[in-house]
Protein backbone atom coordinates (compact mmCIF):
# COMPACT_ATOMS: atom_id res chain seq x y z
CA MET A 1 -6.59 -2.94 -26.64
CA THR A 2 -6.95 -4.86 -23.38
CA THR A 3 -9.77 -3.96 -21.05
CA PHE A 4 -9.39 -4.59 -17.32
CA THR A 5 -12.26 -4.82 -14.87
CA THR A 6 -12.15 -3.70 -11.25
CA GLU A 7 -11.98 -7.39 -10.30
CA ASP A 8 -8.91 -7.86 -12.54
CA ILE A 9 -7.14 -4.99 -10.80
CA GLU A 10 -8.11 -6.17 -7.31
CA ASN A 11 -6.74 -9.64 -8.11
CA LEU A 12 -3.29 -8.10 -8.69
CA LYS A 13 -3.15 -6.79 -5.11
CA THR A 14 -2.29 -8.52 -1.83
CA PRO A 15 -4.76 -8.69 1.02
CA TRP A 16 -4.71 -5.77 3.48
CA PHE A 17 -2.05 -5.96 6.22
CA PRO A 18 -2.33 -4.14 9.57
CA GLY A 19 -0.24 -0.99 9.91
CA ASP A 20 2.07 -2.54 12.52
CA VAL A 21 3.21 -5.18 9.98
CA LYS A 22 6.06 -3.76 7.89
CA PRO A 23 6.52 -4.51 4.16
CA LYS A 24 9.48 -6.68 3.07
CA HIS A 25 10.25 -4.58 0.00
CA GLU A 26 10.81 -0.87 -0.45
CA GLY A 27 8.45 0.95 -2.79
CA LEU A 28 4.95 2.35 -3.18
CA TYR A 29 1.99 0.82 -1.37
CA GLU A 30 -1.72 1.53 -1.19
CA VAL A 31 -2.42 2.59 2.39
CA GLU A 32 -5.31 3.67 4.55
CA LEU A 33 -4.37 6.29 7.12
CA GLU A 34 -6.13 6.75 10.47
CA SER A 35 -6.56 10.45 9.66
CA TRP A 36 -7.86 10.15 6.07
CA PRO A 37 -10.92 8.16 4.87
CA TRP A 38 -9.62 7.25 1.38
CA PRO A 39 -6.73 4.99 0.31
CA GLU A 40 -3.64 6.68 -1.12
CA MET A 41 -0.19 5.70 -2.39
CA VAL A 42 2.65 6.03 0.14
CA GLU A 43 6.31 5.08 -0.14
CA TRP A 44 7.91 2.62 2.30
CA SER A 45 11.66 2.64 3.03
CA LYS A 46 13.51 0.15 5.25
CA GLU A 47 15.63 3.02 6.56
CA PHE A 48 12.89 5.65 7.14
CA GLY A 49 9.60 3.70 7.27
CA TRP A 50 6.43 5.25 5.82
CA PHE A 51 6.80 8.65 4.15
CA VAL A 52 3.85 10.32 5.91
CA ASP A 53 3.56 13.46 8.02
CA LYS A 54 4.80 13.16 11.60
CA GLY A 55 2.14 11.71 13.87
CA VAL A 56 0.10 10.19 11.00
CA LYS A 57 -0.44 6.45 11.45
CA VAL A 58 -0.94 3.84 8.74
CA LYS A 59 -4.08 1.86 9.58
CA GLN A 60 -3.53 -0.81 6.91
CA TRP A 61 -1.64 -1.31 3.65
CA ARG A 62 -1.41 -3.58 0.62
CA GLY A 63 0.87 -4.03 -2.37
CA LEU A 64 1.06 -6.02 -5.58
CA LYS A 65 1.10 -9.82 -5.50
CA ASP A 66 4.01 -9.96 -7.98
CA LYS A 67 6.95 -7.65 -8.48
CA PRO A 68 6.25 -5.33 -11.42
CA LEU A 69 8.44 -5.59 -14.51
């Protein structure tokens, strides 16, 4: 069994990007919302943008450094 540390997991993620920078790829991202103090997973779509409630703004986001298998 492989054991991962918090540092191992953090090293798989990109740095944080400001909310006005849009992701290149569709999928799930870890985001921080202006209206919520904890990070959560939110889907990004090129056609629709962030799948969040109307009026909710993404403060910052990050994804994985490599595309998952």
